[in-house]
Amino acid sequence: MHETDNSILLSKKKIPVVEKAAEYIFTACGLLAVLAVFSITFYMIWSGTPALFKVGILDILFGTVWKPTGDPASFGILYVILTSIIGTGMAILIGVPIGILTAVFLAETAPPKLANAVRPAVELLAGIPSVIYGLLGILILNPLMYKLELKIFAGSTTHQFTGGANLISAVLVLALMILPTVINISESALRAVPKQLKSASLALGATHIQTIFQVILPAAKSGIMTAIVLGCGRAIGEAMAITLVSGSSVNFPLPFASVRFLTTAIVAEMSYSQGLHREVLFTIGLVLFAFIMLIQIGLTRLFKRGAMEND
């Protein structure tokens, strides 16, 4: 008995030590994440601001001509910024409704066997490397876009034919790539809604569809908004796939124009850039970084405000 009591007392004494160690580890991990964010922010500001003063903020941000190797050199990225904004926005408008409705299908209406077949396919989409999306876009999507382009601009003497590598191709690839993120997180949010809400709605006489759109979706709003924010971040930060399907030329972002995004501008020229050209590419990275931060903060505040108003 005495040996048992002593072992219990020793185990009780060891618990606080373990808890303290775990607390220190968790605190260190949290501080490491914060430090990483501040380090990246400092490095981007340090590397990206010199070119703003050498070339001029207005010349870089509002210039429309990109000729880094010209004489004189020109570093205008306005069309690149507009392409990222328009392309990302269009991808979100296409991908988010499809993703949310697919999540509703998997969580609420799909037969179990069909849901078990669709869910692994969605997870497989998330695991496919982005370069594979780009290769499939080149082999399948670009030829289709080129045929459509030939029909629309048949006989045109001013249109520059892109071979199908244009803004529409990039938007469709981005919309496909954000689907797994939106579907998986939205489905988890829908399944987390208490069953009592659904039962109460059905008991009051609402149909299944009415219950989904008027009860379950509003109750899962916070999780769905998280899915949209993460999907938006995936679309903004993608580079490799859209490099292959967009044509990577600096033009005004028209649907059938070859375009260049902020990410592809860095990828396309960083390997051979030097001097001021390289500094401007870091400035593009700073603009992209600021762009992502502003969108994330803005969407988060908007969703929180909407949640508070609903409460």
Protein backbone atom coordinates (compact mmCIF):
# COMPACT_ATOMS: atom_id res chain seq x y z
CA MET A 1 0.00 0.00 0.00
CA HIS A 2 2.75 2.41 0.93
CA GLU A 3 4.60 1.75 -2.35
CA THR A 4 1.41 2.41 -4.31
CA ASP A 5 0.78 5.66 -2.45
CA ASN A 6 4.36 6.79 -3.06
CA SER A 7 4.08 6.08 -6.79
CA ILE A 8 0.85 8.10 -6.97
CA LEU A 9 2.50 11.02 -5.16
CA LEU A 10 5.51 10.88 -7.50
CA SER A 11 3.29 10.86 -10.58
CA LYS A 12 1.38 13.88 -9.24
CA LYS A 13 4.65 15.72 -8.74
CA LYS A 14 5.75 14.95 -12.31
CA ILE A 15 2.56 16.30 -13.92
CA PRO A 16 3.33 19.99 -13.30
CA VAL A 17 6.79 19.55 -14.81
CA VAL A 18 5.30 18.02 -17.96
CA GLU A 19 2.69 20.75 -18.16
CA LYS A 20 5.32 23.46 -17.77
CA ALA A 21 7.45 21.91 -20.49
CA ALA A 22 4.45 21.68 -22.80
CA GLU A 23 3.56 25.30 -22.05
CA TYR A 24 7.09 26.44 -22.94
CA ILE A 25 7.05 24.40 -26.16
CA PHE A 26 3.67 25.80 -27.26
CA THR A 27 4.76 29.33 -26.42
CA ALA A 28 7.98 28.91 -28.39
CA CYS A 29 6.07 27.59 -31.41
CA GLY A 30 3.68 30.55 -31.27
CA LEU A 31 6.52 33.04 -30.98
CA LEU A 32 8.33 31.32 -33.84
CA ALA A 33 5.30 31.79 -36.10
CA VAL A 34 5.05 35.47 -35.14
CA LEU A 35 8.79 35.90 -35.67
CA ALA A 36 8.55 34.30 -39.09
CA VAL A 37 5.81 36.72 -40.15
CA PHE A 38 7.75 39.76 -38.92
CA SER A 39 10.96 38.50 -40.53
CA ILE A 40 9.30 38.00 -43.90
CA THR A 41 7.61 41.40 -43.66
CA PHE A 42 10.88 43.13 -42.77
CA TYR A 43 12.80 41.36 -45.55
CA MET A 44 10.19 42.23 -48.20
CA ILE A 45 10.14 45.89 -47.13
CA TRP A 46 13.95 46.03 -46.99
CA SER A 47 14.37 44.43 -50.42
CA GLY A 48 11.37 45.95 -52.20
CA THR A 49 11.47 49.64 -51.26
CA PRO A 50 14.83 50.75 -52.80
CA ALA A 51 13.51 50.44 -56.37
CA LEU A 52 10.47 52.55 -55.48
CA PHE A 53 12.76 55.49 -54.77
CA LYS A 54 15.16 54.82 -57.66
CA VAL A 55 12.50 54.46 -60.35
CA GLY A 56 9.62 56.33 -58.71
CA ILE A 57 6.51 55.02 -57.02
CA LEU A 58 4.16 56.41 -59.68
CA ASP A 59 6.31 55.11 -62.54
CA ILE A 60 6.29 51.58 -61.13
CA LEU A 61 2.75 51.28 -59.80
CA PHE A 62 0.96 53.26 -62.53
CA GLY A 63 3.22 52.76 -65.52
CA THR A 64 1.89 50.60 -68.34
CA VAL A 65 5.12 49.75 -70.18
CA TRP A 66 7.33 46.90 -68.97
CA LYS A 67 10.71 46.92 -70.75
CA PRO A 68 13.34 46.19 -68.08
CA THR A 69 16.09 45.66 -70.67
CA GLY A 70 15.14 48.60 -72.91
CA ASP A 71 17.06 51.82 -73.39
CA PRO A 72 15.76 53.60 -71.46
CA ALA A 73 14.37 50.87 -69.21
CA SER A 74 10.72 51.00 -68.18
CA PHE A 75 9.27 49.22 -65.15
CA GLY A 76 5.51 49.90 -65.20
CA ILE A 77 3.47 47.12 -63.56
CA LEU A 78 -0.06 48.57 -63.64
CA TYR A 79 -1.29 45.96 -66.15
CA VAL A 80 0.30 43.20 -64.03
CA ILE A 81 -1.51 44.44 -60.91
CA LEU A 82 -4.83 44.71 -62.77
CA THR A 83 -4.36 41.20 -64.15
CA SER A 84 -3.87 39.77 -60.65
CA ILE A 85 -6.91 41.60 -59.30
CA ILE A 86 -9.23 40.74 -62.18
CA GLY A 87 -7.96 37.19 -62.64
CA THR A 88 -8.21 36.35 -58.95
CA GLY A 89 -11.64 37.94 -58.66
CA MET A 90 -12.99 35.99 -61.63
CA ALA A 91 -11.54 32.73 -60.31
CA ILE A 92 -13.21 33.33 -56.94
CA LEU A 93 -16.53 34.14 -58.61
CA ILE A 94 -16.39 30.87 -60.54
CA GLY A 95 -14.78 28.55 -58.01
CA VAL A 96 -16.46 29.57 -54.74
CA PRO A 97 -20.12 28.93 -55.75
CA ILE A 98 -19.18 25.58 -57.31
CA GLY A 99 -17.14 24.63 -54.23
CA ILE A 100 -19.85 25.58 -51.73
CA LEU A 101 -22.60 23.79 -53.67
CA THR A 102 -20.38 20.70 -53.96
CA ALA A 103 -19.82 20.82 -50.19
CA VAL A 104 -23.59 21.05 -49.65
CA PHE A 105 -24.06 18.06 -51.96
CA LEU A 106 -21.50 15.96 -50.08
CA ALA A 107 -22.72 16.94 -46.62
CA GLU A 108 -26.47 16.98 -47.09
CA THR A 109 -27.87 15.44 -50.27
CA ALA A 110 -25.46 12.90 -51.74
CA PRO A 111 -26.11 9.18 -51.17
CA PRO A 112 -23.39 7.73 -48.92
CA LYS A 113 -21.88 5.59 -51.67
CA LEU A 114 -21.67 8.49 -54.11
CA ALA A 115 -20.28 10.81 -51.43
CA ASN A 116 -17.61 8.24 -50.57
CA ALA A 117 -16.62 8.17 -54.24
CA VAL A 118 -16.58 11.95 -54.77
CA ARG A 119 -14.74 12.87 -51.56
CA PRO A 120 -11.49 11.01 -52.43
CA ALA A 121 -11.57 12.64 -55.88
CA VAL A 122 -11.74 16.07 -54.26
CA GLU A 123 -8.88 15.20 -51.94
CA LEU A 124 -6.89 13.98 -54.93
CA LEU A 125 -7.36 17.37 -56.59
CA ALA A 126 -5.74 18.98 -53.55
CA GLY A 127 -2.71 16.72 -53.84
CA ILE A 128 -2.00 17.27 -57.54
CA PRO A 129 1.07 19.52 -58.05
CA SER A 130 0.34 22.88 -59.64
CA VAL A 131 2.66 22.17 -62.56
CA ILE A 132 0.38 19.25 -63.52
CA TYR A 133 -2.58 21.64 -63.70
CA GLY A 134 -0.49 23.82 -65.98
CA LEU A 135 0.47 20.92 -68.24
CA LEU A 136 -3.14 19.78 -68.50
CA GLY A 137 -4.10 23.36 -69.29
CA ILE A 138 -1.58 23.46 -72.14
CA LEU A 139 -2.70 20.11 -73.55
CA ILE A 140 -6.48 20.42 -73.12
CA LEU A 141 -7.64 23.94 -72.26
CA ASN A 142 -5.41 26.10 -74.45
CA PRO A 143 -6.30 24.28 -77.72
CA LEU A 144 -10.01 24.70 -76.91
CA MET A 145 -9.52 28.38 -76.13
CA TYR A 146 -7.59 28.81 -79.36
CA LYS A 147 -10.43 27.30 -81.41
CA LEU A 148 -12.85 29.65 -79.67
CA GLU A 149 -10.50 32.55 -80.28
CA LEU A 150 -10.29 31.74 -84.00
CA LYS A 151 -14.08 31.72 -84.29
CA ILE A 152 -14.61 34.96 -82.37
CA PHE A 153 -11.84 36.96 -84.08
CA ALA A 154 -12.08 35.42 -87.54
CA GLY A 155 -11.01 38.01 -90.10
CA SER A 156 -9.69 40.43 -87.48
CA THR A 157 -6.57 42.37 -88.47
CA THR A 158 -5.90 43.91 -85.06
CA HIS A 159 -6.25 40.99 -82.65
CA GLN A 160 -3.05 39.29 -81.53
CA PHE A 161 -3.75 35.57 -81.46
CA THR A 162 -2.42 33.86 -78.34
CA GLY A 163 -2.78 30.18 -79.20
CA GLY A 164 -5.23 29.87 -76.31
CA ALA A 165 -2.78 31.07 -73.65
CA ASN A 166 -4.86 33.93 -72.29
CA LEU A 167 -6.65 35.33 -69.25
CA ILE A 168 -9.65 33.01 -69.55
CA SER A 169 -7.41 29.92 -69.46
CA ALA A 170 -5.62 31.22 -66.38
CA VAL A 171 -8.92 32.01 -64.61
CA LEU A 172 -10.35 28.55 -65.31
CA VAL A 173 -7.21 26.84 -64.02
CA LEU A 174 -7.21 28.97 -60.86
CA ALA A 175 -10.91 28.26 -60.29
CA LEU A 176 -10.23 24.54 -60.52
CA MET A 177 -7.25 24.76 -58.17
CA ILE A 178 -9.17 26.49 -55.36
CA LEU A 179 -12.02 23.97 -55.44
CA PRO A 180 -10.46 21.40 -53.04
CA THR A 181 -9.79 24.06 -50.39
CA VAL A 182 -13.28 25.52 -50.59
CA ILE A 183 -15.01 22.13 -50.72
CA ASN A 184 -13.15 20.45 -47.86
CA ILE A 185 -13.38 23.34 -45.39
CA SER A 186 -16.99 24.16 -46.30
CA GLU A 187 -18.06 20.54 -45.90
CA SER A 188 -16.41 20.35 -42.47
CA ALA A 189 -18.23 23.55 -41.47
CA LEU A 190 -21.57 22.19 -42.68
CA ARG A 191 -21.11 18.91 -40.80
CA ALA A 192 -20.27 20.85 -37.63
CA VAL A 193 -23.72 22.49 -37.57
CA PRO A 194 -25.76 21.02 -34.68
CA LYS A 195 -28.30 18.47 -35.88
CA GLN A 196 -30.93 20.07 -33.64
CA LEU A 197 -31.11 23.09 -35.96
CA LYS A 198 -31.90 20.92 -38.96
CA SER A 199 -34.44 18.85 -37.02
CA ALA A 200 -36.17 21.98 -35.69
CA SER A 201 -36.40 23.49 -39.16
CA LEU A 202 -37.87 20.33 -40.65
CA ALA A 203 -40.27 20.01 -37.72
CA LEU A 204 -41.58 23.53 -38.41
CA GLY A 205 -42.52 22.51 -41.95
CA ALA A 206 -39.52 23.71 -43.99
CA THR A 207 -38.39 21.58 -46.89
CA HIS A 208 -34.91 20.07 -47.05
CA ILE A 209 -33.73 22.68 -49.58
CA GLN A 210 -35.16 25.52 -47.48
CA THR A 211 -33.42 24.11 -44.42
CA ILE A 212 -30.10 23.95 -46.25
CA PHE A 213 -30.16 27.52 -47.56
CA GLN A 214 -31.94 29.25 -44.69
CA VAL A 215 -30.64 27.38 -41.65
CA ILE A 216 -27.57 25.21 -42.28
CA LEU A 217 -25.60 27.55 -44.56
CA PRO A 218 -26.10 30.62 -42.33
CA ALA A 219 -25.09 28.57 -39.28
CA ALA A 220 -21.91 27.44 -41.05
CA LYS A 221 -21.09 30.93 -42.33
CA SER A 222 -17.87 31.40 -40.35
CA GLY A 223 -16.35 28.16 -41.64
CA ILE A 224 -17.43 28.89 -45.21
CA MET A 225 -15.89 32.38 -45.00
CA THR A 226 -12.64 30.79 -43.84
CA ALA A 227 -12.76 28.55 -46.90
CA ILE A 228 -13.24 31.58 -49.16
CA VAL A 229 -10.32 33.45 -47.57
CA LEU A 230 -7.99 30.45 -47.93
CA GLY A 231 -9.16 29.86 -51.49
CA CYS A 232 -8.50 33.50 -52.31
CA GLY A 233 -5.00 33.20 -50.88
CA ARG A 234 -4.37 30.08 -52.98
CA ALA A 235 -5.51 31.87 -56.13
CA ILE A 236 -3.40 34.98 -55.51
CA GLY A 237 -0.24 33.08 -54.68
CA GLU A 238 -0.32 30.55 -57.51
CA ALA A 239 2.49 30.91 -60.04
CA MET A 240 3.58 27.77 -61.86
CA ALA A 241 0.25 26.69 -63.37
CA ILE A 242 -0.76 30.12 -64.65
CA THR A 243 2.74 30.72 -65.98
CA LEU A 244 2.11 27.86 -68.39
CA VAL A 245 -1.44 28.77 -69.48
CA SER A 246 -1.57 32.60 -69.38
CA GLY A 247 1.01 33.44 -72.03
CA SER A 248 3.07 35.53 -69.58
CA SER A 249 2.98 38.76 -71.61
CA VAL A 250 2.34 42.19 -70.09
CA ASN A 251 -0.95 43.37 -71.60
CA PHE A 252 -4.19 44.91 -70.41
CA PRO A 253 -6.24 42.04 -68.90
CA LEU A 254 -8.76 41.39 -71.65
CA PRO A 255 -10.33 37.90 -71.80
CA PHE A 256 -8.46 36.73 -74.90
CA ALA A 257 -5.22 38.59 -74.25
CA SER A 258 -1.96 36.99 -73.17
CA VAL A 259 -1.38 38.29 -69.64
CA ARG A 260 1.08 38.19 -66.77
CA PHE A 261 0.22 37.97 -63.07
CA LEU A 262 2.32 39.36 -60.21
CA THR A 263 3.55 35.89 -59.32
CA THR A 264 4.42 34.96 -62.90
CA ALA A 265 6.29 38.24 -63.38
CA ILE A 266 8.71 37.22 -60.64
CA VAL A 267 9.03 33.61 -61.79
CA ALA A 268 9.58 34.53 -65.44
CA GLU A 269 12.47 36.96 -64.95
CA MET A 270 14.15 36.40 -61.59
CA SER A 271 16.61 33.82 -62.95
CA TYR A 272 18.38 36.24 -65.30
CA SER A 273 17.64 39.64 -63.73
CA GLN A 274 20.34 41.81 -62.19
CA GLY A 275 20.82 45.29 -60.83
CA LEU A 276 17.80 47.58 -60.88
CA HIS A 277 15.78 44.98 -62.77
CA ARG A 278 16.21 42.53 -59.89
CA GLU A 279 15.32 45.20 -57.33
CA VAL A 280 12.08 45.95 -59.19
CA LEU A 281 11.18 42.26 -59.10
CA PHE A 282 11.54 42.40 -55.33
CA THR A 283 9.24 45.43 -55.44
CA ILE A 284 6.70 43.33 -57.32
CA GLY A 285 7.03 40.75 -54.53
CA LEU A 286 6.40 43.52 -51.99
CA VAL A 287 3.29 44.62 -53.90
CA LEU A 288 2.06 41.02 -53.99
CA PHE A 289 2.76 40.62 -50.29
CA ALA A 290 0.87 43.85 -49.46
CA PHE A 291 -1.93 42.81 -51.81
CA ILE A 292 -2.40 39.46 -50.04
CA MET A 293 -2.22 41.02 -46.57
CA LEU A 294 -4.82 43.68 -47.42
CA ILE A 295 -7.22 41.14 -48.91
CA GLN A 296 -6.86 38.75 -45.96
CA ILE A 297 -7.35 41.52 -43.40
CA GLY A 298 -10.22 43.09 -45.32
CA LEU A 299 -12.10 39.83 -45.81
CA THR A 300 -11.57 38.79 -42.19
CA ARG A 301 -12.93 42.09 -40.87
CA LEU A 302 -15.85 41.98 -43.28
CA PHE A 303 -16.81 38.48 -42.22
CA LYS A 304 -16.47 39.31 -38.53
CA ARG A 305 -18.66 42.39 -38.96
CA GLY A 306 -21.27 40.29 -40.77
CA ALA A 307 -21.20 37.68 -38.00
CA MET A 308 -21.65 40.37 -35.32
CA GLU A 309 -24.59 41.90 -37.19
CA ASN A 310 -26.25 38.48 -37.47
CA ASP A 311 -25.78 37.84 -33.77
